[in-house]
Amino acid sequence: MIKLLLAAVVAGCATLVGAQNTGQTNPQATPPSQPQQKPQPQIQGQPAHPRRVVAKLDGFDLAPAKASANQIGGGSRGAGADLKLVLYAPHKARIYTLRPAFSWKGDPNAKYKFHIQDVMGLFAWDRELTGTSLSYPSDAPPLSPGGAYLWKVDPVSPLLGPPPPAAMIVVVGGTERAQLETGLNQFQGTDFDAESGRAKYFFDQRLWYDAVMGYTELIQKYPERENLYVLRGTLYFQLPATESLADADFAHTN
C-alpha cells in the first residue's frame, strides 16, 4: 500500500513538473530552431560583414558533389593545413576563353609542375613554375572550342604532399559559343563600363574562370573601386575551395 502511494506521489510530481515547463518538447521530434538569417545586401553595395553577402548559386560547378571521374591525380592529405595543395576551381566547369588563368592554394615560394591534357589523351602541355598561379601563355597551343580538358598541379618537392584531384574544364563550342559571342558584342571597348559588362555577362552565364579573370583584371586597373571586390568575392563565395578568397575580397569593404 505504501509503495502504491509513493508511486502515485511521484507520478503527480512528474505531471506538475511537466505542467510548469510548458513549451518544452521532445528534441527528437522537433529540430532546434535555426539561427536567424543575416540580411543580404545588394550585390553592388558594401557588406557589413564578409559572410553577409550572397547566397549560393547553381551552375558554376557542373559536378559540385564530387570530382570528375576522369581524374589524373589522386586526392590525399597534404603536409599540413597551410601547405595543403588545393585547386582554386570548380570540379567541372564550362569556359569560354581559350587561354584561361589557373590558381591554387600552396606555398608561393615552392616549385610546382602544371599539367593540362584533353580527356582523349591526344593533347598535353606541362610547365614547371614557382608560385601558385599560371596564365595559359601565348606560346602554348590554345584550347579548342568544344574540347574537354583536365588540369592539375604537382608539387616538385614531396614534402608538400601529393596533388589533389584534377579539375575539368569544358570549352563551349558550336551554337552555344556563337550565342555567347553575340551576347559579348554588346560590350565593345576597353573602358570600365565595357569591361565590367563583360565580367558580369560571364558571371550571369555561369562561366567561372572567365568571370574571375574579368574581375581580377578590373581590380588590377581600378583597385580603389570597392564594389569590384564585392563582385569577385561573390563569385569566390560560390565554391568551398575559394571561400577564403571571398573573405579576403569582402574585407576590402570593411
C-alpha atoms as a PDB file:
ATOM      1  CA  MET A   1       0.000   0.000   0.000  1.00  0.00           C
ATOM      2  CA  ILE A   2       2.823   2.387   0.916  1.00  0.00           C
ATOM      3  CA  LYS A   3       4.578   1.594  -2.352  1.00  0.00           C
ATOM      4  CA  LEU A   4       1.394   2.386  -4.289  1.00  0.00           C
ATOM      5  CA  LEU A   5       1.056   5.738  -2.512  1.00  0.00           C
ATOM      6  CA  LEU A   6       4.672   6.649  -3.216  1.00  0.00           C
ATOM      7  CA  ALA A   7       4.223   5.751  -6.856  1.00  0.00           C
ATOM      8  CA  ALA A   8       1.160   7.978  -7.034  1.00  0.00           C
ATOM      9  CA  VAL A   9       3.039  10.883  -5.430  1.00  0.00           C
ATOM     10  CA  VAL A  10       5.939  10.509  -7.877  1.00  0.00           C
ATOM     11  CA  ALA A  11       3.550  10.425 -10.817  1.00  0.00           C
ATOM     12  CA  GLY A  12       1.804  13.534  -9.547  1.00  0.00           C
ATOM     13  CA  CYS A  13       5.088  15.398  -9.192  1.00  0.00           C
ATOM     14  CA  ALA A  14       6.065  14.460 -12.736  1.00  0.00           C
ATOM     15  CA  THR A  15       2.737  15.764 -14.006  1.00  0.00           C
ATOM     16  CA  LEU A  16       3.223  19.029 -12.089  1.00  0.00           C
ATOM     17  CA  VAL A  17       6.752  19.500 -13.421  1.00  0.00           C
ATOM     18  CA  GLY A  18       5.511  18.872 -16.951  1.00  0.00           C
ATOM     19  CA  ALA A  19       2.792  21.472 -16.478  1.00  0.00           C
ATOM     20  CA  GLN A  20       5.272  24.047 -15.180  1.00  0.00           C
ATOM     21  CA  ASN A  21       7.617  23.530 -18.171  1.00  0.00           C
ATOM     22  CA  THR A  22       5.103  24.405 -20.874  1.00  0.00           C
ATOM     23  CA  GLY A  23       6.517  24.722 -24.362  1.00  0.00           C
ATOM     24  CA  GLN A  24       9.256  22.118 -23.764  1.00  0.00           C
ATOM     25  CA  THR A  25       9.169  19.452 -26.472  1.00  0.00           C
ATOM     26  CA  ASN A  26      10.991  16.286 -27.330  1.00  0.00           C
ATOM     27  CA  PRO A  27      14.211  17.260 -29.122  1.00  0.00           C
ATOM     28  CA  GLN A  28      13.927  14.053 -31.130  1.00  0.00           C
ATOM     29  CA  ALA A  29      10.566  15.170 -32.521  1.00  0.00           C
ATOM     30  CA  THR A  30      11.274  18.883 -33.137  1.00  0.00           C
ATOM     31  CA  PRO A  31      14.612  20.081 -34.508  1.00  0.00           C
ATOM     32  CA  PRO A  32      16.305  23.013 -32.779  1.00  0.00           C
ATOM     33  CA  SER A  33      15.449  26.426 -34.125  1.00  0.00           C
ATOM     34  CA  GLN A  34      17.722  27.683 -36.885  1.00  0.00           C
ATOM     35  CA  PRO A  35      19.900  30.726 -36.225  1.00  0.00           C
ATOM     36  CA  GLN A  36      18.469  33.960 -37.530  1.00  0.00           C
ATOM     37  CA  GLN A  37      19.419  34.628 -41.120  1.00  0.00           C
ATOM     38  CA  LYS A  38      21.592  37.672 -41.592  1.00  0.00           C
ATOM     39  CA  PRO A  39      20.296  40.278 -44.046  1.00  0.00           C
ATOM     40  CA  GLN A  40      21.646  40.046 -47.575  1.00  0.00           C
ATOM     41  CA  PRO A  41      22.714  43.388 -49.035  1.00  0.00           C
ATOM     42  CA  GLN A  42      22.605  44.336 -52.688  1.00  0.00           C
ATOM     43  CA  ILE A  43      25.448  42.937 -54.753  1.00  0.00           C
ATOM     44  CA  GLN A  44      26.634  46.443 -55.655  1.00  0.00           C
ATOM     45  CA  GLY A  45      26.652  47.615 -52.028  1.00  0.00           C
ATOM     46  CA  GLN A  46      29.191  47.301 -49.266  1.00  0.00           C
ATOM     47  CA  PRO A  47      28.565  44.315 -46.961  1.00  0.00           C
ATOM     48  CA  ALA A  48      28.753  44.966 -43.243  1.00  0.00           C
ATOM     49  CA  HIS A  49      30.430  41.595 -42.741  1.00  0.00           C
ATOM     50  CA  PRO A  50      32.149  39.173 -45.139  1.00  0.00           C
ATOM     51  CA  ARG A  51      29.609  36.419 -44.554  1.00  0.00           C
ATOM     52  CA  ARG A  52      26.525  38.607 -45.200  1.00  0.00           C
ATOM     53  CA  VAL A  53      26.930  38.938 -48.906  1.00  0.00           C
ATOM     54  CA  VAL A  54      25.137  36.431 -51.122  1.00  0.00           C
ATOM     55  CA  ALA A  55      23.526  33.033 -51.269  1.00  0.00           C
ATOM     56  CA  LYS A  56      24.994  30.062 -53.067  1.00  0.00           C
ATOM     57  CA  LEU A  57      24.100  29.927 -56.761  1.00  0.00           C
ATOM     58  CA  ASP A  58      23.821  26.908 -59.024  1.00  0.00           C
ATOM     59  CA  GLY A  59      25.595  26.443 -62.319  1.00  0.00           C
ATOM     60  CA  PHE A  60      29.222  27.351 -61.637  1.00  0.00           C
ATOM     61  CA  ASP A  61      30.267  23.791 -60.811  1.00  0.00           C
ATOM     62  CA  LEU A  62      28.788  21.073 -63.006  1.00  0.00           C
ATOM     63  CA  ALA A  63      29.921  18.390 -60.544  1.00  0.00           C
ATOM     64  CA  PRO A  64      29.707  20.073 -57.122  1.00  0.00           C
ATOM     65  CA  ALA A  65      29.311  16.928 -55.034  1.00  0.00           C
ATOM     66  CA  LYS A  66      32.423  15.140 -56.221  1.00  0.00           C
ATOM     67  CA  ALA A  67      35.386  15.465 -58.518  1.00  0.00           C
ATOM     68  CA  SER A  68      35.164  14.226 -62.077  1.00  0.00           C
ATOM     69  CA  ALA A  69      35.514  10.501 -62.573  1.00  0.00           C
ATOM     70  CA  ASN A  70      38.182  11.190 -65.201  1.00  0.00           C
ATOM     71  CA  GLN A  71      40.944  12.176 -62.809  1.00  0.00           C
ATOM     72  CA  ILE A  72      44.648  12.341 -63.448  1.00  0.00           C
ATOM     73  CA  GLY A  73      45.547  12.914 -59.812  1.00  0.00           C
ATOM     74  CA  GLY A  74      44.584  11.324 -56.511  1.00  0.00           C
ATOM     75  CA  GLY A  75      43.158  13.155 -53.518  1.00  0.00           C
ATOM     76  CA  SER A  76      45.059  12.744 -50.289  1.00  0.00           C
ATOM     77  CA  ARG A  77      46.090  14.536 -47.145  1.00  0.00           C
ATOM     78  CA  GLY A  78      48.745  17.173 -47.548  1.00  0.00           C
ATOM     79  CA  ALA A  79      51.712  18.032 -45.377  1.00  0.00           C
ATOM     80  CA  GLY A  80      49.702  20.479 -43.296  1.00  0.00           C
ATOM     81  CA  ALA A  81      46.708  22.785 -43.305  1.00  0.00           C
ATOM     82  CA  ASP A  82      48.715  25.760 -44.577  1.00  0.00           C
ATOM     83  CA  LEU A  83      50.652  23.840 -47.238  1.00  0.00           C
ATOM     84  CA  LYS A  84      47.905  21.523 -48.459  1.00  0.00           C
ATOM     85  CA  LEU A  85      47.522  21.956 -52.190  1.00  0.00           C
ATOM     86  CA  VAL A  86      44.005  22.955 -53.257  1.00  0.00           C
ATOM     87  CA  LEU A  87      42.923  23.938 -56.754  1.00  0.00           C
ATOM     88  CA  TYR A  88      41.034  27.225 -56.782  1.00  0.00           C
ATOM     89  CA  ALA A  89      38.484  25.964 -59.287  1.00  0.00           C
ATOM     90  CA  PRO A  90      35.222  24.068 -59.725  1.00  0.00           C
ATOM     91  CA  HIS A  91      35.493  20.318 -60.106  1.00  0.00           C
ATOM     92  CA  LYS A  92      33.984  20.700 -63.583  1.00  0.00           C
ATOM     93  CA  ALA A  93      33.139  23.940 -65.305  1.00  0.00           C
ATOM     94  CA  ARG A  94      32.287  25.459 -68.657  1.00  0.00           C
ATOM     95  CA  ILE A  95      34.755  28.005 -70.014  1.00  0.00           C
ATOM     96  CA  TYR A  96      34.795  30.476 -72.905  1.00  0.00           C
ATOM     97  CA  THR A  97      38.377  31.699 -73.116  1.00  0.00           C
ATOM     98  CA  LEU A  98      40.938  29.590 -74.941  1.00  0.00           C
ATOM     99  CA  ARG A  99      43.736  30.813 -72.654  1.00  0.00           C
ATOM    100  CA  PRO A 100      42.494  30.584 -69.070  1.00  0.00           C
ATOM    101  CA  ALA A 101      44.186  31.602 -65.851  1.00  0.00           C
ATOM    102  CA  PHE A 102      44.712  28.955 -63.166  1.00  0.00           C
ATOM    103  CA  SER A 103      45.487  29.316 -59.469  1.00  0.00           C
ATOM    104  CA  TRP A 104      45.798  27.133 -56.397  1.00  0.00           C
ATOM    105  CA  LYS A 105      46.455  27.224 -52.690  1.00  0.00           C
ATOM    106  CA  GLY A 106      50.019  26.288 -51.818  1.00  0.00           C
ATOM    107  CA  ASP A 107      53.435  27.640 -50.934  1.00  0.00           C
ATOM    108  CA  PRO A 108      54.128  30.753 -53.066  1.00  0.00           C
ATOM    109  CA  ASN A 109      57.863  30.044 -52.843  1.00  0.00           C
ATOM    110  CA  ALA A 110      57.626  26.404 -53.879  1.00  0.00           C
ATOM    111  CA  LYS A 111      58.019  24.870 -57.315  1.00  0.00           C
ATOM    112  CA  TYR A 112      55.093  23.151 -58.979  1.00  0.00           C
ATOM    113  CA  LYS A 113      54.508  21.307 -62.227  1.00  0.00           C
ATOM    114  CA  PHE A 114      51.365  22.392 -64.037  1.00  0.00           C
ATOM    115  CA  HIS A 115      49.812  19.829 -66.376  1.00  0.00           C
ATOM    116  CA  ILE A 116      46.823  20.028 -68.706  1.00  0.00           C
ATOM    117  CA  GLN A 117      45.574  17.406 -71.128  1.00  0.00           C
ATOM    118  CA  ASP A 118      42.455  16.708 -73.138  1.00  0.00           C
ATOM    119  CA  VAL A 119      40.246  13.886 -71.941  1.00  0.00           C
ATOM    120  CA  MET A 120      41.008  11.849 -75.076  1.00  0.00           C
ATOM    121  CA  GLY A 121      44.729  11.889 -74.360  1.00  0.00           C
ATOM    122  CA  LEU A 122      45.582  13.497 -77.703  1.00  0.00           C
ATOM    123  CA  PHE A 123      46.995  16.724 -76.256  1.00  0.00           C
ATOM    124  CA  ALA A 124      49.095  17.507 -73.194  1.00  0.00           C
ATOM    125  CA  TRP A 125      51.086  20.518 -72.027  1.00  0.00           C
ATOM    126  CA  ASP A 126      53.323  20.957 -68.968  1.00  0.00           C
ATOM    127  CA  ARG A 127      55.210  23.758 -67.321  1.00  0.00           C
ATOM    128  CA  GLU A 128      57.264  23.943 -64.148  1.00  0.00           C
ATOM    129  CA  LEU A 129      56.993  27.192 -62.230  1.00  0.00           C
ATOM    130  CA  THR A 130      57.440  28.817 -58.853  1.00  0.00           C
ATOM    131  CA  GLY A 131      54.283  30.215 -57.298  1.00  0.00           C
ATOM    132  CA  THR A 132      50.578  29.500 -57.087  1.00  0.00           C
ATOM    133  CA  SER A 133      49.157  30.747 -60.372  1.00  0.00           C
ATOM    134  CA  LEU A 134      49.619  30.387 -64.098  1.00  0.00           C
ATOM    135  CA  SER A 135      48.103  32.236 -67.038  1.00  0.00           C
ATOM    136  CA  TYR A 136      47.983  29.916 -70.018  1.00  0.00           C
ATOM    137  CA  PRO A 137      50.713  31.501 -72.165  1.00  0.00           C
ATOM    138  CA  SER A 138      50.695  32.595 -75.781  1.00  0.00           C
ATOM    139  CA  ASP A 139      53.464  30.121 -76.650  1.00  0.00           C
ATOM    140  CA  ALA A 140      51.252  27.160 -75.670  1.00  0.00           C
ATOM    141  CA  PRO A 141      48.683  25.689 -78.097  1.00  0.00           C
ATOM    142  CA  PRO A 142      45.281  27.291 -77.450  1.00  0.00           C
ATOM    143  CA  LEU A 143      42.463  25.168 -76.147  1.00  0.00           C
ATOM    144  CA  SER A 144      39.889  24.078 -78.715  1.00  0.00           C
ATOM    145  CA  PRO A 145      36.196  25.074 -78.664  1.00  0.00           C
ATOM    146  CA  GLY A 146      34.135  22.033 -77.792  1.00  0.00           C
ATOM    147  CA  GLY A 147      37.079  20.315 -76.117  1.00  0.00           C
ATOM    148  CA  ALA A 148      37.209  18.946 -72.574  1.00  0.00           C
ATOM    149  CA  TYR A 149      40.409  19.178 -70.542  1.00  0.00           C
ATOM    150  CA  LEU A 150      41.781  18.118 -67.189  1.00  0.00           C
ATOM    151  CA  TRP A 151      44.339  20.205 -65.331  1.00  0.00           C
ATOM    152  CA  LYS A 152      46.286  19.556 -62.173  1.00  0.00           C
ATOM    153  CA  VAL A 153      49.296  20.796 -60.220  1.00  0.00           C
ATOM    154  CA  ASP A 154      52.004  18.571 -58.759  1.00  0.00           C
ATOM    155  CA  PRO A 155      54.435  19.802 -56.083  1.00  0.00           C
ATOM    156  CA  VAL A 156      58.015  19.261 -57.169  1.00  0.00           C
ATOM    157  CA  SER A 157      59.037  18.606 -53.574  1.00  0.00           C
ATOM    158  CA  PRO A 158      57.488  15.522 -51.921  1.00  0.00           C
ATOM    159  CA  LEU A 159      57.470  17.443 -48.634  1.00  0.00           C
ATOM    160  CA  LEU A 160      54.480  19.400 -49.927  1.00  0.00           C
ATOM    161  CA  GLY A 161      52.402  16.257 -50.194  1.00  0.00           C
ATOM    162  CA  PRO A 162      50.596  14.632 -53.122  1.00  0.00           C
ATOM    163  CA  PRO A 163      48.494  16.554 -55.657  1.00  0.00           C
ATOM    164  CA  PRO A 164      44.731  16.993 -55.308  1.00  0.00           C
ATOM    165  CA  PRO A 165      42.304  15.582 -57.892  1.00  0.00           C
ATOM    166  CA  ALA A 166      42.386  17.209 -61.294  1.00  0.00           C
ATOM    167  CA  ALA A 167      39.778  19.763 -62.332  1.00  0.00           C
ATOM    168  CA  MET A 168      37.881  19.574 -65.608  1.00  0.00           C
ATOM    169  CA  ILE A 169      37.087  22.417 -67.988  1.00  0.00           C
ATOM    170  CA  VAL A 170      34.751  22.138 -70.954  1.00  0.00           C
ATOM    171  CA  VAL A 171      35.326  24.797 -73.616  1.00  0.00           C
ATOM    172  CA  VAL A 172      31.999  25.936 -75.013  1.00  0.00           C
ATOM    173  CA  GLY A 173      31.682  25.487 -78.753  1.00  0.00           C
ATOM    174  CA  GLY A 174      29.207  25.293 -81.582  1.00  0.00           C
ATOM    175  CA  THR A 175      25.888  27.085 -81.245  1.00  0.00           C
ATOM    176  CA  GLU A 176      26.453  27.898 -77.588  1.00  0.00           C
ATOM    177  CA  ARG A 177      29.726  29.650 -78.380  1.00  0.00           C
ATOM    178  CA  ALA A 178      28.105  31.621 -81.192  1.00  0.00           C
ATOM    179  CA  GLN A 179      25.364  32.767 -78.793  1.00  0.00           C
ATOM    180  CA  LEU A 180      27.941  33.844 -76.212  1.00  0.00           C
ATOM    181  CA  GLU A 181      29.851  35.805 -78.818  1.00  0.00           C
ATOM    182  CA  THR A 182      26.650  37.572 -79.848  1.00  0.00           C
ATOM    183  CA  GLY A 183      25.996  38.494 -76.240  1.00  0.00           C
ATOM    184  CA  LEU A 184      29.543  39.759 -75.766  1.00  0.00           C
ATOM    185  CA  ASN A 185      29.268  42.042 -78.805  1.00  0.00           C
ATOM    186  CA  GLN A 186      27.248  44.491 -76.746  1.00  0.00           C
ATOM    187  CA  PHE A 187      30.305  45.152 -74.551  1.00  0.00           C
ATOM    188  CA  GLN A 188      32.803  46.565 -77.020  1.00  0.00           C
ATOM    189  CA  GLY A 189      35.764  48.666 -75.935  1.00  0.00           C
ATOM    190  CA  THR A 190      38.305  48.788 -73.126  1.00  0.00           C
ATOM    191  CA  ASP A 191      36.582  51.332 -70.877  1.00  0.00           C
ATOM    192  CA  PHE A 192      35.309  50.431 -67.429  1.00  0.00           C
ATOM    193  CA  ASP A 193      31.665  50.003 -68.444  1.00  0.00           C
ATOM    194  CA  ALA A 194      32.529  47.625 -71.277  1.00  0.00           C
ATOM    195  CA  GLU A 195      34.948  45.530 -69.206  1.00  0.00           C
ATOM    196  CA  SER A 196      32.659  45.334 -66.182  1.00  0.00           C
ATOM    197  CA  GLY A 197      29.770  44.463 -68.504  1.00  0.00           C
ATOM    198  CA  ARG A 198      31.740  41.546 -69.941  1.00  0.00           C
ATOM    199  CA  ALA A 199      32.672  40.295 -66.473  1.00  0.00           C
ATOM    200  CA  LYS A 200      29.060  40.442 -65.334  1.00  0.00           C
ATOM    201  CA  TYR A 201      27.946  38.706 -68.522  1.00  0.00           C
ATOM    202  CA  PHE A 202      30.346  35.846 -67.807  1.00  0.00           C
ATOM    203  CA  PHE A 203      29.024  35.723 -64.237  1.00  0.00           C
ATOM    204  CA  ASP A 204      25.413  35.571 -65.445  1.00  0.00           C
ATOM    205  CA  GLN A 205      26.328  32.791 -67.881  1.00  0.00           C
ATOM    206  CA  ARG A 206      27.983  30.853 -65.013  1.00  0.00           C
ATOM    207  CA  LEU A 207      31.402  30.917 -66.687  1.00  0.00           C
ATOM    208  CA  TRP A 208      33.504  30.839 -63.522  1.00  0.00           C
ATOM    209  CA  TYR A 209      37.018  31.105 -64.976  1.00  0.00           C
ATOM    210  CA  ASP A 210      36.071  33.886 -67.373  1.00  0.00           C
ATOM    211  CA  ALA A 211      34.293  35.912 -64.703  1.00  0.00           C
ATOM    212  CA  VAL A 212      37.218  35.566 -62.266  1.00  0.00           C
ATOM    213  CA  MET A 213      39.635  36.707 -64.955  1.00  0.00           C
ATOM    214  CA  GLY A 214      37.397  39.643 -65.829  1.00  0.00           C
ATOM    215  CA  TYR A 215      37.009  40.920 -62.280  1.00  0.00           C
ATOM    216  CA  THR A 216      40.682  40.311 -61.457  1.00  0.00           C
ATOM    217  CA  GLU A 217      41.772  42.414 -64.428  1.00  0.00           C
ATOM    218  CA  LEU A 218      39.347  45.156 -63.383  1.00  0.00           C
ATOM    219  CA  ILE A 219      40.686  45.150 -59.822  1.00  0.00           C
ATOM    220  CA  GLN A 220      44.229  45.459 -61.133  1.00  0.00           C
ATOM    221  CA  LYS A 221      43.196  48.508 -63.167  1.00  0.00           C
ATOM    222  CA  TYR A 222      40.796  50.057 -60.648  1.00  0.00           C
ATOM    223  CA  PRO A 223      41.954  48.932 -57.176  1.00  0.00           C
ATOM    224  CA  GLU A 224      40.073  51.794 -55.489  1.00  0.00           C
ATOM    225  CA  ARG A 225      36.641  50.536 -56.614  1.00  0.00           C
ATOM    226  CA  GLU A 226      35.375  48.555 -53.630  1.00  0.00           C
ATOM    227  CA  ASN A 227      32.348  47.143 -55.440  1.00  0.00           C
ATOM    228  CA  LEU A 228      34.691  45.127 -57.686  1.00  0.00           C
ATOM    229  CA  TYR A 229      35.979  43.236 -54.644  1.00  0.00           C
ATOM    230  CA  VAL A 230      32.383  42.525 -53.638  1.00  0.00           C
ATOM    231  CA  LEU A 231      31.575  41.179 -57.088  1.00  0.00           C
ATOM    232  CA  ARG A 232      34.650  38.960 -57.268  1.00  0.00           C
ATOM    233  CA  GLY A 233      34.108  37.888 -53.671  1.00  0.00           C
ATOM    234  CA  THR A 234      30.543  36.928 -54.574  1.00  0.00           C
ATOM    235  CA  LEU A 235      31.981  34.703 -57.286  1.00  0.00           C
ATOM    236  CA  TYR A 236      34.590  33.168 -54.991  1.00  0.00           C
ATOM    237  CA  PHE A 237      31.887  32.500 -52.399  1.00  0.00           C
ATOM    238  CA  GLN A 238      30.201  30.039 -54.754  1.00  0.00           C
ATOM    239  CA  LEU A 239      32.906  27.380 -54.283  1.00  0.00           C
ATOM    240  CA  PRO A 240      34.036  25.811 -50.986  1.00  0.00           C
ATOM    241  CA  ALA A 241      37.631  25.866 -52.266  1.00  0.00           C
ATOM    242  CA  THR A 242      37.601  29.649 -52.729  1.00  0.00           C
ATOM    243  CA  GLU A 243      35.533  30.852 -49.762  1.00  0.00           C
ATOM    244  CA  SER A 244      38.718  32.077 -48.048  1.00  0.00           C
ATOM    245  CA  LEU A 245      39.429  34.212 -51.124  1.00  0.00           C
ATOM    246  CA  ALA A 246      35.905  35.601 -50.846  1.00  0.00           C
ATOM    247  CA  ASP A 247      36.542  36.652 -47.250  1.00  0.00           C
ATOM    248  CA  ALA A 248      39.731  38.413 -48.318  1.00  0.00           C
ATOM    249  CA  ASP A 249      37.863  40.325 -51.008  1.00  0.00           C
ATOM    250  CA  PHE A 250      34.981  41.266 -48.720  1.00  0.00           C
ATOM    251  CA  ALA A 251      37.469  42.563 -46.158  1.00  0.00           C
ATOM    252  CA  HIS A 252      38.307  45.388 -48.584  1.00  0.00           C
ATOM    253  CA  THR A 253      34.877  46.874 -47.934  1.00  0.00           C
ATOM    254  CA  ASN A 254      35.028  46.935 -44.123  1.00  0.00           C
END
